Protein backbone atom coordinates (compact mmCIF):
# COMPACT_ATOMS: atom_id res chain seq x y z
CA MET A 1 84.99 137.30 148.25
CA VAL A 2 88.16 135.86 146.72
CA SER A 3 87.51 133.05 144.21
CA LEU A 4 88.77 129.53 144.91
CA SER A 5 90.94 129.54 141.77
CA LEU A 6 92.60 132.79 142.85
CA LEU A 7 93.15 131.45 146.35
CA PHE A 8 94.72 128.32 144.90
CA HIS A 9 97.06 130.47 142.79
CA LEU A 10 98.03 132.53 145.81
CA LEU A 11 98.62 129.35 147.76
CA LEU A 12 101.00 128.03 145.13
CA LEU A 13 102.96 131.26 145.23
CA ALA A 14 103.34 130.83 148.98
CA PHE A 15 105.21 127.57 148.50
CA VAL A 16 108.21 128.89 146.58
CA ASP A 17 110.42 126.35 148.34
CA LEU A 18 108.56 123.56 146.52
CA SER A 19 108.66 124.99 143.00
CA THR A 20 111.62 123.06 141.59
CA SER A 21 110.67 120.06 139.44
CA THR A 22 112.30 116.69 140.05
CA THR A 23 112.12 113.09 138.88
CA GLU A 24 112.33 111.87 142.45
CA TYR A 25 109.30 111.06 144.54
CA LEU A 26 108.60 110.54 148.20
CA LYS A 27 108.23 106.91 149.21
CA LEU A 28 106.66 106.15 152.57
CA PRO A 29 106.64 102.50 153.66
CA LEU A 30 103.35 101.13 154.94
CA LEU A 31 103.87 99.13 158.12
CA HIS A 32 101.15 97.14 159.84
CA LYS A 33 100.58 96.74 163.53
CA THR A 34 99.14 93.66 165.20
CA PRO A 35 96.67 92.37 166.23
CA PHE A 36 94.55 92.97 163.14
CA PRO A 37 90.94 94.19 163.50
CA THR A 38 88.12 91.70 163.67
CA PRO A 39 85.44 92.03 160.97
CA LEU A 40 83.03 93.44 163.55
CA GLN A 41 85.61 96.05 164.57
CA SER A 42 86.18 96.97 160.92
CA LEU A 43 82.44 97.23 160.26
CA SER A 44 81.87 99.39 163.34
CA SER A 45 84.77 101.68 162.42
CA ASP A 46 83.61 101.86 158.79
CA LEU A 47 80.04 102.81 159.71
CA GLN A 48 81.40 105.70 161.77
CA ARG A 49 83.72 106.66 158.92
CA LEU A 50 80.87 106.54 156.40
CA SER A 51 78.80 108.83 158.60
CA LEU A 52 81.66 111.34 158.70
CA LEU A 53 82.17 111.24 154.92
CA HIS A 54 78.48 111.75 154.17
CA HIS A 55 78.20 114.49 156.78
CA SER A 56 81.19 116.29 155.27
CA HIS A 57 79.55 116.07 151.85
CA HIS A 58 76.23 117.52 153.01
CA ARG A 59 77.91 120.18 155.13
CA HIS A 60 79.72 121.44 152.02
CA GLN A 61 76.46 121.38 150.06
CA ASN A 62 74.71 123.45 152.71
CA HIS A 63 77.62 125.90 152.81
CA ARG A 64 77.44 126.45 149.04
CA ARG A 65 73.69 126.86 149.08
CA THR A 66 73.78 129.43 151.83
CA SER A 67 76.68 131.37 150.81
CA SER A 68 110.63 110.35 151.69
CA LYS A 69 110.65 107.53 153.62
CA SER A 70 108.55 107.57 156.70
CA PRO A 71 106.69 104.67 158.29
CA LEU A 72 103.01 104.38 157.31
CA MET A 73 101.22 101.96 159.61
CA SER A 74 97.79 100.38 159.61
CA GLY A 75 95.40 101.49 162.32
CA ALA A 76 94.45 97.83 162.75
CA SER A 77 95.71 97.58 166.31
CA SER A 78 93.09 100.08 167.42
CA GLY A 79 90.26 98.28 165.64
CA SER A 80 90.51 100.65 162.69
CA GLY A 81 91.13 100.05 159.01
CA GLN A 82 92.94 103.32 158.61
CA TYR A 83 96.57 103.71 157.61
CA PHE A 84 99.07 105.77 159.55
CA VAL A 85 102.04 107.73 158.24
CA SER A 86 105.00 108.80 160.36
CA ILE A 87 106.40 112.25 159.55
CA ARG A 88 109.07 114.49 161.06
CA LEU A 89 107.79 117.97 161.72
CA GLY A 90 109.64 121.06 162.93
CA SER A 91 113.27 122.06 163.61
CA PRO A 92 114.69 119.99 165.18
CA PRO A 93 112.33 117.32 163.77
CA GLN A 94 109.67 115.77 165.99
CA THR A 95 108.27 112.40 164.84
CA LEU A 96 104.47 112.18 164.73
CA LEU A 97 102.00 109.51 163.59
CA LEU A 98 99.17 110.74 161.32
CA VAL A 99 96.18 109.06 159.70
CA ALA A 100 96.66 109.09 155.90
CA ASP A 101 93.27 110.15 154.57
CA THR A 102 92.19 110.61 150.94
CA GLY A 103 88.77 111.75 152.23
CA SER A 104 89.91 115.04 153.80
CA ASP A 105 92.05 118.06 152.93
CA LEU A 106 93.16 119.52 156.24
CA THR A 107 96.45 118.22 157.65
CA TRP A 108 96.52 118.78 161.40
CA VAL A 109 98.42 117.55 164.45
CA ARG A 110 97.77 117.63 168.16
CA CYS A 111 99.81 120.53 169.57
CA SER A 112 101.02 121.83 172.91
CA ALA A 113 102.40 125.25 173.86
CA CYS A 114 104.53 123.87 176.70
CA LYS A 115 108.19 124.89 176.69
CA THR A 116 109.52 123.19 179.82
CA ASN A 117 108.36 120.21 181.90
CA CYS A 118 106.62 118.63 178.89
CA SER A 119 106.76 115.10 180.32
CA ILE A 120 102.96 114.87 180.28
CA HIS A 121 103.25 114.45 176.51
CA PRO A 122 104.90 111.10 175.61
CA PRO A 123 107.30 111.38 172.65
CA GLY A 124 105.42 111.26 169.37
CA SER A 125 102.00 111.99 170.88
CA THR A 126 102.01 115.78 170.55
CA PHE A 127 103.80 118.43 168.52
CA LEU A 128 105.61 120.83 170.86
CA ALA A 129 105.36 124.05 168.86
CA ARG A 130 107.64 126.09 171.12
CA HIS A 131 110.43 123.52 170.69
CA SER A 132 110.65 124.25 166.95
CA THR A 133 112.61 127.20 165.55
CA THR A 134 110.67 127.11 162.25
CA PHE A 135 107.09 127.09 163.57
CA SER A 136 105.13 130.01 162.12
CA PRO A 137 101.37 130.65 162.61
CA THR A 138 99.64 132.21 159.60
CA HIS A 139 97.90 135.58 159.85
CA CYS A 140 94.18 136.22 159.89
CA PHE A 141 94.03 137.94 156.53
CA SER A 142 96.49 135.75 154.64
CA SER A 143 95.21 133.86 151.59
CA LEU A 144 95.90 130.59 153.42
CA CYS A 145 93.62 131.49 156.32
CA GLN A 146 90.67 131.85 153.96
CA LEU A 147 91.04 128.19 152.91
CA VAL A 148 90.33 126.61 156.30
CA PRO A 149 87.12 126.31 158.35
CA GLN A 150 87.15 128.95 161.08
CA PRO A 151 85.38 129.40 164.42
CA ASN A 152 82.00 131.05 164.64
CA PRO A 153 82.16 133.88 165.50
CA ASN A 154 85.42 134.25 163.64
CA PRO A 155 87.92 136.33 165.65
CA CYS A 156 89.52 137.45 162.37
CA ASN A 157 86.44 139.57 161.66
CA HIS A 158 87.19 141.84 164.63
CA THR A 159 90.93 141.81 165.01
CA ARG A 160 94.18 143.34 163.83
CA LEU A 161 95.74 142.35 160.49
CA HIS A 162 98.59 140.36 162.02
CA SER A 163 96.62 138.30 164.53
CA THR A 164 96.90 134.52 164.29
CA CYS A 165 94.59 132.56 161.99
CA ARG A 166 92.41 130.11 163.91
CA TYR A 167 90.70 127.02 162.48
CA GLU A 168 87.91 124.81 163.78
CA TYR A 169 86.85 121.51 162.25
CA VAL A 170 83.73 119.77 163.58
CA TYR A 171 82.77 116.17 162.75
CA SER A 172 79.26 114.73 162.57
CA ASP A 173 79.48 113.03 165.99
CA GLY A 174 80.47 116.27 167.70
CA SER A 175 84.20 115.58 167.65
CA LYS A 176 86.21 118.72 167.10
CA THR A 177 89.77 119.92 166.50
CA SER A 178 90.69 123.58 166.78
CA GLY A 179 93.82 125.66 167.01
CA PHE A 180 96.17 127.78 164.89
CA PHE A 181 96.61 127.31 161.14
CA SER A 182 100.38 127.38 160.75
CA LYS A 183 103.42 126.67 158.57
CA GLU A 184 106.30 124.37 159.40
CA THR A 185 109.26 122.44 157.97
CA THR A 186 108.72 118.74 157.27
CA THR A 187 111.63 116.33 156.84
CA LEU A 188 111.11 113.31 154.57
CA ASN A 189 113.27 110.99 152.46
CA THR A 190 113.01 110.71 148.69
CA SER A 191 112.89 107.53 146.60
CA SER A 192 116.69 107.67 146.29
CA GLY A 193 117.07 107.77 150.07
CA ARG A 194 118.04 111.46 150.12
CA GLU A 195 116.77 113.44 153.10
CA MET A 196 114.77 116.47 152.08
CA LYS A 197 113.46 119.36 154.17
CA LEU A 198 110.20 120.75 152.82
CA LYS A 199 109.59 124.27 154.08
CA SER A 200 106.36 126.18 154.68
CA ILE A 201 104.02 123.18 154.79
CA ALA A 202 100.64 124.47 155.99
CA PHE A 203 98.87 122.51 158.73
CA GLY A 204 96.51 122.90 161.65
CA CYS A 205 98.24 123.06 165.04
CA GLY A 206 95.42 121.65 167.15
CA PHE A 207 95.50 122.80 170.76
CA HIS A 208 92.06 121.32 171.42
CA ALA A 209 90.70 117.92 170.31
CA SER A 210 87.59 116.23 171.66
CA GLY A 211 85.09 113.53 170.79
CA PRO A 212 85.22 109.81 169.87
CA SER A 213 86.40 110.35 166.29
CA LEU A 214 89.59 112.01 167.53
CA ILE A 215 90.29 110.54 170.95
CA GLY A 216 88.37 107.23 170.79
CA SER A 217 89.63 103.75 169.91
CA SER A 218 89.56 104.35 166.13
CA PHE A 219 92.07 107.19 166.55
CA ASN A 220 94.22 105.48 169.19
CA GLY A 221 97.94 105.99 168.59
CA ALA A 222 97.59 108.80 166.06
CA SER A 223 98.43 112.43 166.76
CA GLY A 224 96.65 113.92 163.75
CA VAL A 225 95.59 113.54 160.12
CA MET A 226 97.46 113.87 156.83
CA GLY A 227 94.85 115.14 154.37
CA LEU A 228 95.40 113.75 150.86
CA GLY A 229 92.17 115.08 149.31
CA ARG A 230 91.80 117.22 146.18
CA GLY A 231 91.63 120.62 147.89
CA PRO A 232 94.42 123.22 147.67
CA ILE A 233 95.55 122.84 151.30
CA SER A 234 95.92 119.05 151.29
CA PHE A 235 99.38 117.58 151.80
CA ALA A 236 99.32 116.14 148.26
CA SER A 237 98.34 119.51 146.74
CA GLN A 238 101.04 121.41 148.61
CA LEU A 239 103.75 119.07 147.33
CA GLY A 240 102.35 119.03 143.79
CA ARG A 241 104.70 121.60 142.24
CA ARG A 242 107.78 119.83 143.57
CA PHE A 243 106.90 116.20 142.88
CA GLY A 244 104.20 116.37 140.23
CA ARG A 245 100.47 116.35 140.79
CA SER A 246 100.20 112.64 141.56
CA PHE A 247 100.38 110.29 144.48
CA SER A 248 99.98 106.55 144.64
CA TYR A 249 99.91 103.65 147.02
CA CYS A 250 100.00 99.89 146.96
CA LEU A 251 98.28 97.91 149.70
CA LEU A 252 99.50 94.32 149.99
CA ASP A 253 97.85 91.46 151.89
CA TYR A 254 98.52 92.29 155.53
CA THR A 255 97.22 88.88 156.72
CA LEU A 256 100.34 87.16 155.35
CA SER A 257 103.11 86.26 157.77
CA PRO A 258 105.43 88.06 157.73
CA PRO A 259 103.35 90.90 156.27
CA PRO A 260 104.81 92.37 153.06
CA THR A 261 105.70 96.06 152.82
CA SER A 262 103.22 98.45 151.24
CA TYR A 263 103.95 102.01 150.17
CA LEU A 264 102.51 105.48 149.84
CA MET A 265 104.34 107.46 147.16
CA ILE A 266 104.03 111.18 146.47
CA GLY A 267 105.17 112.09 142.95
CA ASP A 268 104.86 110.89 139.36
CA VAL A 269 105.86 107.29 140.00
CA VAL A 270 104.40 105.97 136.74
CA SER A 271 106.02 108.65 134.57
CA THR A 272 109.43 108.15 136.20
CA LYS A 273 109.25 104.38 135.53
CA LYS A 274 108.39 104.06 131.83
CA ASP A 275 107.86 100.30 131.99
CA ASN A 276 104.86 100.94 134.26
CA LYS A 277 102.89 102.78 131.60
CA SER A 278 101.90 99.60 129.78
CA MET A 279 100.77 98.05 133.06
CA MET A 280 98.27 100.74 133.96
CA SER A 281 94.59 101.01 133.19
CA PHE A 282 92.94 104.39 133.70
CA THR A 283 89.53 105.71 134.61
CA PRO A 284 88.59 109.40 134.84
CA LEU A 285 88.42 111.08 138.24
CA LEU A 286 85.15 112.99 138.35
CA ILE A 287 84.86 116.41 139.94
CA ASN A 288 81.88 117.01 142.22
CA PRO A 289 81.61 120.76 142.97
CA GLU A 290 79.45 119.92 145.98
CA ALA A 291 82.17 117.69 147.47
CA PRO A 292 85.48 118.83 145.93
CA THR A 293 87.63 116.94 148.44
CA PHE A 294 86.64 113.44 147.34
CA TYR A 295 88.01 111.26 144.53
CA TYR A 296 84.97 110.16 142.51
CA ILE A 297 85.05 107.43 139.87
CA SER A 298 82.30 106.25 137.54
CA ILE A 299 80.92 102.68 137.66
CA LYS A 300 79.22 101.70 134.39
CA GLY A 301 78.38 98.08 135.17
CA VAL A 302 79.04 95.05 137.34
CA PHE A 303 79.95 91.51 136.26
CA VAL A 304 79.83 88.32 138.34
CA ASP A 305 81.68 85.44 136.70
CA GLY A 306 81.63 87.35 133.42
CA VAL A 307 77.86 87.90 133.39
CA LYS A 308 76.71 91.52 133.47
CA LEU A 309 74.10 92.18 136.13
CA HIS A 310 70.86 94.02 135.36
CA ILE A 311 71.52 97.21 137.33
CA ASP A 312 70.00 100.48 136.17
CA PRO A 313 72.93 102.81 135.25
CA SER A 314 71.19 105.65 137.11
CA VAL A 315 71.98 103.81 140.35
CA TRP A 316 75.63 104.84 139.97
CA SER A 317 75.10 108.35 138.61
CA LEU A 318 76.44 111.55 140.14
CA ASP A 319 73.64 114.07 139.61
CA GLU A 320 73.77 117.83 139.07
CA LEU A 321 73.12 118.45 142.77
CA GLY A 322 76.22 116.44 143.75
CA ASN A 323 74.29 113.41 145.04
CA GLY A 324 75.22 109.78 144.46
CA GLY A 325 78.34 108.60 142.65
CA THR A 326 81.20 106.47 143.94
CA VAL A 327 84.18 107.58 146.02
CA ILE A 328 87.48 105.70 146.40
CA ASP A 329 88.73 106.11 149.96
CA SER A 330 91.82 105.00 151.90
CA GLY A 331 90.20 105.42 155.31
CA THR A 332 87.38 102.90 154.85
CA THR A 333 88.13 99.18 155.05
CA LEU A 334 85.06 97.50 153.53
CA THR A 335 83.23 98.46 150.34
CA PHE A 336 79.79 100.09 150.58
CA LEU A 337 77.57 100.07 147.48
CA THR A 338 74.26 101.81 146.88
CA GLU A 339 71.50 99.46 147.99
CA PRO A 340 69.81 98.66 144.63
CA ALA A 341 73.18 97.57 143.19
CA TYR A 342 74.16 95.74 146.35
CA ARG A 343 70.98 93.62 146.29
CA GLU A 344 71.66 92.52 142.70
CA ILE A 345 75.27 91.65 143.51
CA LEU A 346 74.26 89.76 146.66
CA SER A 347 71.65 87.76 144.73
CA ALA A 348 74.17 86.87 142.03
CA PHE A 349 76.72 85.70 144.60
CA LYS A 350 74.11 83.58 146.40
CA ARG A 351 73.23 81.90 143.09
CA GLU A 352 76.84 81.17 142.20
CA VAL A 353 78.35 80.20 145.55
CA LYS A 354 78.26 76.40 145.93
CA LEU A 355 79.72 76.22 149.44
CA PRO A 356 77.67 75.25 152.51
CA SER A 357 76.23 77.83 154.88
CA PRO A 358 77.63 78.13 158.42
CA THR A 359 75.90 76.46 161.33
CA PRO A 360 73.04 78.65 162.64
CA GLY A 361 73.91 80.49 165.83
CA GLY A 362 77.63 80.62 165.05
CA ALA A 363 79.95 83.59 164.57
CA SER A 364 78.44 84.45 161.18
CA THR A 365 75.04 85.12 162.75
CA GLN A 366 76.45 88.09 164.64
CA SER A 367 78.88 89.16 161.91
CA GLY A 368 76.70 91.84 160.29
CA PHE A 369 77.30 90.32 156.82
CA ASP A 370 74.53 88.99 154.56
CA LEU A 371 76.45 86.13 152.93
CA CYS A 372 78.77 83.76 154.79
CA VAL A 373 80.02 80.29 153.86
CA ASN A 374 81.71 77.39 155.63
CA VAL A 375 85.03 76.47 153.98
CA THR A 376 86.12 73.98 156.63
CA GLY A 377 87.99 71.12 154.98
CA VAL A 378 87.94 72.79 151.54
CA SER A 379 91.53 73.24 150.41
CA ARG A 380 90.81 75.66 147.55
CA PRO A 381 87.30 77.09 147.87
CA ARG A 382 85.97 78.72 144.70
CA PHE A 383 84.27 82.09 144.83
CA PRO A 384 82.55 84.00 142.01
CA ARG A 385 84.68 86.66 140.34
CA LEU A 386 83.52 90.25 140.70
CA SER A 387 84.45 92.84 138.06
CA LEU A 388 83.60 96.54 137.95
CA GLU A 389 83.26 98.23 134.56
CA LEU A 390 84.58 101.76 135.06
CA GLY A 391 84.51 104.93 133.01
CA GLY A 392 87.14 105.08 130.28
CA GLU A 393 86.36 101.49 129.23
CA SER A 394 88.52 100.01 131.97
CA LEU A 395 87.74 96.88 133.99
CA TYR A 396 88.65 96.55 137.67
CA SER A 397 88.78 92.85 138.62
CA PRO A 398 90.00 92.28 142.17
CA PRO A 399 90.69 88.75 143.42
CA PRO A 400 88.05 87.14 145.69
CA ARG A 401 90.21 87.64 148.80
CA ASN A 402 89.52 91.38 148.40
CA TYR A 403 85.82 90.88 149.06
CA PHE A 404 85.52 87.51 150.89
CA ILE A 405 87.18 87.75 154.30
CA ASP A 406 87.74 85.38 157.22
CA ILE A 407 85.55 86.19 160.21
CA SER A 408 86.41 83.05 162.19
CA GLU A 409 88.07 79.67 161.68
CA GLY A 410 86.64 78.16 158.50
CA ILE A 411 84.07 80.94 157.93
CA LYS A 412 84.29 83.53 155.14
CA CYS A 413 81.85 86.38 154.50
CA LEU A 414 81.15 88.79 151.65
CA ALA A 415 82.80 92.04 152.81
CA ILE A 416 80.45 94.39 150.97
CA GLN A 417 77.73 96.42 152.67
CA PRO A 418 74.69 98.35 151.40
CA VAL A 419 74.33 102.13 151.47
CA GLU A 420 70.83 103.56 151.58
CA ALA A 421 70.06 105.37 148.35
CA GLU A 422 68.08 108.10 150.12
CA SER A 423 69.64 111.49 150.97
CA GLY A 424 71.93 111.29 147.94
CA ARG A 425 74.48 109.06 149.66
CA PHE A 426 77.39 107.80 147.61
CA SER A 427 79.08 104.42 147.32
CA VAL A 428 82.59 103.90 148.71
CA ILE A 429 85.34 101.58 147.44
CA GLY A 430 87.31 100.74 150.59
CA ASN A 431 90.96 99.84 151.03
CA LEU A 432 90.33 96.08 151.21
CA MET A 433 88.92 96.13 147.66
CA GLN A 434 92.01 98.12 146.60
CA GLN A 435 94.45 95.57 148.03
CA GLY A 436 97.09 94.21 145.65
CA PHE A 437 96.80 97.09 143.15
CA LEU A 438 99.08 100.01 142.48
CA LEU A 439 96.66 102.95 142.50
CA GLU A 440 97.83 106.25 141.05
CA PHE A 441 95.78 109.37 141.79
CA ASP A 442 96.83 111.50 138.82
CA ARG A 443 95.39 114.85 139.77
CA GLY A 444 97.03 116.68 136.86
CA LYS A 445 95.22 114.57 134.26
CA SER A 446 92.25 113.92 136.56
CA ARG A 447 92.42 110.16 136.29
CA LEU A 448 92.92 107.10 138.48
CA GLY A 449 95.44 104.53 137.26
CA PHE A 450 95.49 100.95 138.52
CA SER A 451 97.60 97.86 137.92
CA ARG A 452 97.85 94.39 139.47
CA ARG A 453 101.56 94.20 138.57
CA GLY A 454 102.58 97.68 139.62
CA CYS A 455 103.05 96.81 143.28
CA ALA A 456 106.57 95.63 142.47
CA VAL A 457 107.78 99.24 141.95
CA SER A 458 110.52 100.42 144.29
């Protein structure tokens, strides 16, 4: 069995086209669709997302124990809090919309083998592999093929050396994508506006997709996923040698009119802009061998209006079996905290909030949130300030609009939910709590940088 480190080395050698260093980075604008999701839609989508993340974690545990400028758009119009990125794939380029996901490694697109009479596939919905002169399936016994989940039984175990590598990825709700693991040219623009063709990008060409996670409302409008996780086959990992082992994004308040532009950037943005270094705070990114895809951070304590809450530190710990901890995720909207911590935070907010409760039987009753207030007629309502003490002696202090959201006219609710502590489930910091910060995932130094002022970078 080939070790993961050796496979990663072999993978890097396969991407010789990406080996030249540069001070440029890819800059992908984040565009938002309308209408925006209701809080109930966000909560429903998040609960499904949380189930998938936890299932992926436990599936990996069980496996171990038994063995540019491209538009990036919010998935809000489909009732999802996900963000979409538009890429150009193939030669000539075909434009496709993918979910940008820090919680997965595999980049895959919906594919078709049709060559003529392809009108059943609207432009942008499906990658037409036979229309590209640079499409190249990988072989069964290549080092790349060993990095992707494969069908059971695996046809590579009983086939010729040069047969095509097949992948199969199954989600917790039974949704599944399967097809050929392949290589292709991707066309993106750099931060200077220069068009760049990136060759031999590995991705799953999915000829079959089924289930609500992939064809339901939360996936509506997307034709695949851009995996930005920590594994060697993720989009961010594959571009690491060319642009540096970092990527970052800045999510601005999409409820403003007109909505401001947010960005996903692949490359060492902070190091190329020296004035940003003084802006950034850093916290270590923890490595969980049982869930190597995810970006874990360490929470040391919680403050509400400057007062530290009495929460046992063990509540946040990532144990030796890979259970617990806290993941920062772009594909989840709300924030989900382990239940013992959530109860302390909820109690503190209830003590400090001086605003009236909503009328019984109103929208807040069916909202799914434990704390809602009526701000009707209050020009500048005051909310308690939440701060998270992170590893590395850094303090993450988002503004109240990141965790108190409008659910109806004049009604705001605390947009944090509990996660049951049983089964080793982890907490998740969602994209709403990240809003207004430049977040840099520095994989080379294994740290997460954040800054309230860094969103002005261009």
